[in-house]
Amino acid sequence: MTVTQEWETIFRSNTHISLWPWSDLVSYVHRYATPRAEYQRVLEFGCGAGANIPFFLHLGLDYHAIEGSPTIVARLHERYPKLRQTIIVGDFTQSITFNGLFDLVVDRAAIQHNATEAVRRAIALAYDRLRPGGKFIGIDWLSREHSEAAHGTRIDSHTRRDIPARAFKDVGTVHFFDEEHLVELLTSVGFRVQFLEHKVHQVVIPGGNDRPAWWNFVAVRS
């Protein structure tokens, strides 16, 4: 599997356990995946500890997820026994084993933990498994303008690993996108970019050199 062992180790050690839905994902789904009747079947890449699951269940959607960590998937099955068949262990850069098409595919910072070719494969799989007019929402994809984008060991022109900063400790491979690269990845498989947002944060007090930056986007299958 392209999914790295680092995330299995992380979840076994109970770190990076996010339990609350990500606010940008909530906002983007409400804004761009409406009316609700047209976006009933959703697939999440890399659901992690399941932060977004309560949000999608609250909306009454038919939720599916592919996650690379067997440990965290087992915990989610205990927490959501009705989702045992729709939350699975797998590699979303290689295959999607669910039957049928989806109305919505979402990814909150999961695909980015791969090198360029695996990122490209995951985006192509998202496109292939969406119905015409279905949408792909990406949240918090790291920007090349992030202050850590040049640190660690270079894997390819957009990918690093072993970044020493605390936020990236033990997460392995990290992909950073600039606008041209991200748009090319999406449009080369057939997506139309409906909306693209670049977020740059600067901490004023206590200051420092940290400059986090991310992309959010909505892409539509033609």
Protein backbone atom coordinates (compact mmCIF):
# COMPACT_ATOMS: atom_id res chain seq x y z
CA MET A 1 0.00 0.00 0.00
CA THR A 2 1.06 3.59 -0.65
CA VAL A 3 -0.47 4.50 2.72
CA THR A 4 2.48 4.82 5.05
CA GLN A 5 3.02 2.99 8.31
CA GLU A 6 3.47 6.32 10.08
CA TRP A 7 -0.28 6.93 10.38
CA GLU A 8 -0.96 3.46 11.77
CA THR A 9 1.70 4.15 14.41
CA ILE A 10 0.22 7.58 15.12
CA PHE A 11 -3.27 6.21 15.70
CA ARG A 12 -2.01 3.33 17.82
CA SER A 13 -0.34 5.90 20.07
CA ASN A 14 -3.55 7.98 20.26
CA THR A 15 -2.11 11.10 18.68
CA HIS A 16 -3.69 13.22 15.92
CA ILE A 17 -7.11 12.14 17.23
CA SER A 18 -9.43 14.83 15.88
CA LEU A 19 -13.01 14.39 17.07
CA TRP A 20 -14.81 17.57 15.99
CA PRO A 21 -15.89 18.21 12.38
CA TRP A 22 -13.56 20.56 10.53
CA SER A 23 -15.31 23.92 10.21
CA ASP A 24 -14.21 24.60 6.63
CA LEU A 25 -15.50 21.21 5.52
CA VAL A 26 -18.85 21.90 7.18
CA SER A 27 -19.05 25.31 5.50
CA TYR A 28 -18.08 24.02 2.07
CA VAL A 29 -20.55 21.13 2.12
CA HIS A 30 -23.38 23.46 3.15
CA ARG A 31 -22.40 26.00 0.52
CA TYR A 32 -21.51 23.84 -2.47
CA ALA A 33 -23.19 20.42 -2.02
CA THR A 34 -26.75 21.66 -2.16
CA PRO A 35 -29.60 21.04 -2.59
CA ARG A 36 -29.15 18.11 -0.23
CA ALA A 37 -31.29 15.75 -2.33
CA GLU A 38 -28.62 15.86 -5.05
CA TYR A 39 -25.69 14.99 -2.73
CA GLN A 40 -26.79 11.94 -0.77
CA ARG A 41 -23.94 9.46 -1.29
CA VAL A 42 -20.61 10.65 0.07
CA LEU A 43 -17.11 9.14 0.13
CA GLU A 44 -14.38 10.45 2.43
CA PHE A 45 -10.71 9.78 1.76
CA GLY A 46 -8.74 9.28 4.98
CA CYS A 47 -11.42 9.72 7.61
CA GLY A 48 -8.88 9.33 10.45
CA ALA A 49 -10.56 9.20 13.86
CA GLY A 50 -13.90 10.12 12.30
CA ALA A 51 -14.11 13.83 13.02
CA ASN A 52 -16.46 14.46 10.08
CA ILE A 53 -18.69 11.41 10.48
CA PRO A 54 -21.20 12.95 12.95
CA PHE A 55 -21.69 15.88 10.58
CA PHE A 56 -22.53 13.66 7.60
CA LEU A 57 -24.76 11.40 9.67
CA HIS A 58 -26.59 14.45 11.04
CA LEU A 59 -27.35 15.41 7.44
CA GLY A 60 -28.74 11.92 6.83
CA LEU A 61 -26.21 11.12 4.10
CA ASP A 62 -25.10 7.69 2.92
CA TYR A 63 -21.55 7.83 4.29
CA HIS A 64 -18.56 5.82 3.06
CA ALA A 65 -14.87 6.13 3.92
CA ILE A 66 -11.52 4.62 2.98
CA GLU A 67 -8.86 4.81 5.69
CA GLY A 68 -5.36 3.33 5.71
CA SER A 69 -5.08 2.55 9.42
CA PRO A 70 -6.59 -0.77 10.56
CA THR A 71 -6.40 0.40 14.17
CA ILE A 72 -8.53 3.48 13.69
CA VAL A 73 -11.00 1.67 11.42
CA ALA A 74 -11.56 -0.97 14.11
CA ARG A 75 -12.29 1.79 16.62
CA LEU A 76 -14.74 3.43 14.23
CA HIS A 77 -16.55 0.12 13.73
CA GLU A 78 -17.02 -0.08 17.49
CA ARG A 79 -18.28 3.47 17.64
CA TYR A 80 -20.48 3.23 14.52
CA PRO A 81 -21.51 -0.43 14.14
CA LYS A 82 -24.00 0.46 11.39
CA LEU A 83 -21.08 1.68 9.26
CA ARG A 84 -19.02 -1.51 9.40
CA GLN A 85 -19.58 -2.14 5.69
CA THR A 86 -19.01 1.45 4.59
CA ILE A 87 -15.88 2.38 6.53
CA ILE A 88 -13.09 0.19 5.20
CA VAL A 89 -9.32 -0.22 5.37
CA GLY A 90 -7.80 0.57 2.00
CA ASP A 91 -5.51 2.68 -0.13
CA PHE A 92 -7.39 5.46 -1.90
CA THR A 93 -4.41 6.01 -4.21
CA GLN A 94 -4.79 2.50 -5.64
CA SER A 95 -8.46 1.49 -5.77
CA ILE A 96 -11.97 2.18 -4.54
CA THR A 97 -13.75 -1.09 -3.88
CA PHE A 98 -17.22 0.30 -3.18
CA ASN A 99 -19.80 -0.32 -5.88
CA GLY A 100 -21.52 2.50 -7.74
CA LEU A 101 -20.93 6.20 -8.13
CA PHE A 102 -20.87 8.92 -5.50
CA ASP A 103 -22.43 12.37 -5.42
CA LEU A 104 -19.68 13.86 -3.27
CA VAL A 105 -16.07 12.97 -2.48
CA VAL A 106 -14.33 14.84 0.34
CA ASP A 107 -10.75 14.94 1.54
CA ARG A 108 -9.56 16.89 4.54
CA ALA A 109 -5.75 16.78 4.30
CA ALA A 110 -5.39 13.05 3.61
CA ILE A 111 -4.28 12.79 -0.03
CA GLN A 112 -1.46 15.24 0.69
CA HIS A 113 0.45 12.58 2.63
CA ASN A 114 1.67 11.09 -0.63
CA ALA A 115 4.19 11.90 -3.34
CA THR A 116 3.08 13.42 -6.64
CA GLU A 117 2.21 10.30 -8.63
CA ALA A 118 0.12 8.85 -5.81
CA VAL A 119 -1.66 12.20 -5.38
CA ARG A 120 -2.43 12.16 -9.09
CA ARG A 121 -3.84 8.61 -8.90
CA ALA A 122 -6.07 9.49 -5.94
CA ILE A 123 -7.51 12.51 -7.73
CA ALA A 124 -8.16 10.39 -10.84
CA LEU A 125 -9.97 7.79 -8.73
CA ALA A 126 -12.11 10.49 -7.15
CA TYR A 127 -13.09 11.68 -10.63
CA ASP A 128 -13.84 8.18 -11.88
CA ARG A 129 -16.15 7.38 -8.98
CA LEU A 130 -18.19 10.58 -9.06
CA ARG A 131 -21.39 10.86 -11.04
CA PRO A 132 -21.50 13.55 -13.74
CA GLY A 133 -22.01 16.82 -11.89
CA GLY A 134 -20.72 15.31 -8.65
CA LYS A 135 -18.25 17.31 -6.61
CA PHE A 136 -14.86 16.82 -5.02
CA ILE A 137 -14.17 19.02 -1.99
CA GLY A 138 -10.62 19.34 -0.69
CA ILE A 139 -9.93 21.06 2.61
CA ASP A 140 -6.59 22.15 4.14
CA TRP A 141 -4.31 20.92 1.37
CA LEU A 142 -0.89 22.33 2.22
CA SER A 143 0.45 25.25 0.21
CA ARG A 144 3.96 25.76 -1.12
CA GLU A 145 3.82 29.07 0.75
CA HIS A 146 3.72 27.21 4.07
CA SER A 147 6.77 28.06 6.16
CA GLU A 148 7.71 24.34 6.34
CA ALA A 149 7.47 23.67 2.59
CA ALA A 150 11.25 23.73 2.06
CA HIS A 151 12.19 21.74 5.16
CA GLY A 152 12.83 18.03 5.63
CA THR A 153 14.01 15.58 2.98
CA ARG A 154 13.03 16.20 -0.65
CA ILE A 155 11.09 13.36 -2.33
CA ASP A 156 10.05 15.18 -5.50
CA SER A 157 9.46 18.78 -6.57
CA HIS A 158 6.38 19.13 -4.32
CA THR A 159 6.92 16.47 -1.66
CA ARG A 160 8.95 16.34 1.54
CA ARG A 161 9.27 13.94 4.43
CA ASP A 162 10.76 13.95 7.93
CA ILE A 163 9.95 17.62 8.45
CA PRO A 164 11.25 18.50 11.91
CA ALA A 165 8.53 20.99 12.90
CA ARG A 166 6.24 19.82 15.70
CA ALA A 167 3.10 19.94 13.54
CA PHE A 168 4.65 17.43 11.13
CA LYS A 169 6.34 15.18 13.69
CA ASP A 170 6.25 11.52 12.63
CA VAL A 171 3.70 12.03 9.81
CA GLY A 172 6.11 10.96 7.07
CA THR A 173 5.44 12.19 3.55
CA VAL A 174 3.90 15.64 3.05
CA HIS A 175 2.88 17.20 -0.28
CA PHE A 176 2.79 20.98 -0.82
CA PHE A 177 0.73 22.50 -3.65
CA ASP A 178 1.11 25.74 -5.55
CA GLU A 179 -1.82 27.04 -7.60
CA GLU A 180 -0.53 25.88 -10.98
CA HIS A 181 0.26 22.40 -9.69
CA LEU A 182 -3.08 21.94 -7.92
CA VAL A 183 -5.16 23.19 -10.83
CA GLU A 184 -3.21 20.99 -13.25
CA LEU A 185 -3.74 17.91 -11.08
CA LEU A 186 -7.48 18.52 -10.99
CA THR A 187 -8.11 19.58 -14.60
CA SER A 188 -5.85 16.96 -16.18
CA VAL A 189 -8.26 14.20 -15.12
CA GLY A 190 -11.33 16.17 -16.23
CA PHE A 191 -12.40 18.22 -13.21
CA ARG A 192 -13.64 21.80 -13.56
CA VAL A 193 -12.49 23.95 -10.65
CA GLN A 194 -15.56 25.73 -9.28
CA PHE A 195 -13.90 27.46 -6.34
CA LEU A 196 -10.34 27.78 -5.06
CA GLU A 197 -9.30 29.45 -1.82
CA HIS A 198 -5.81 30.11 -0.49
CA LYS A 199 -5.47 30.62 3.27
CA VAL A 200 -2.35 32.11 4.86
CA HIS A 201 -2.14 32.54 8.64
CA GLN A 202 0.28 34.78 10.45
CA VAL A 203 0.67 34.63 14.21
CA VAL A 204 1.17 38.19 15.47
CA ILE A 205 1.55 37.45 19.19
CA PRO A 206 3.84 35.83 20.27
CA GLY A 207 5.19 36.07 16.76
CA GLY A 208 7.79 33.81 15.24
CA ASN A 209 8.55 32.47 11.79
CA ASP A 210 5.61 30.09 11.43
CA ARG A 211 3.47 30.88 8.39
CA PRO A 212 0.91 28.13 7.81
CA ALA A 213 -0.82 28.15 4.42
CA TRP A 214 -3.44 25.87 2.85
CA TRP A 215 -5.77 25.44 -0.10
CA ASN A 216 -9.50 24.69 -0.09
CA PHE A 217 -11.27 23.85 -3.34
CA VAL A 218 -14.40 22.59 -5.00
CA ALA A 219 -14.04 20.63 -8.25
CA VAL A 220 -16.88 19.37 -10.43
CA ARG A 221 -16.93 16.27 -12.58
CA SER A 222 -17.94 17.18 -16.12
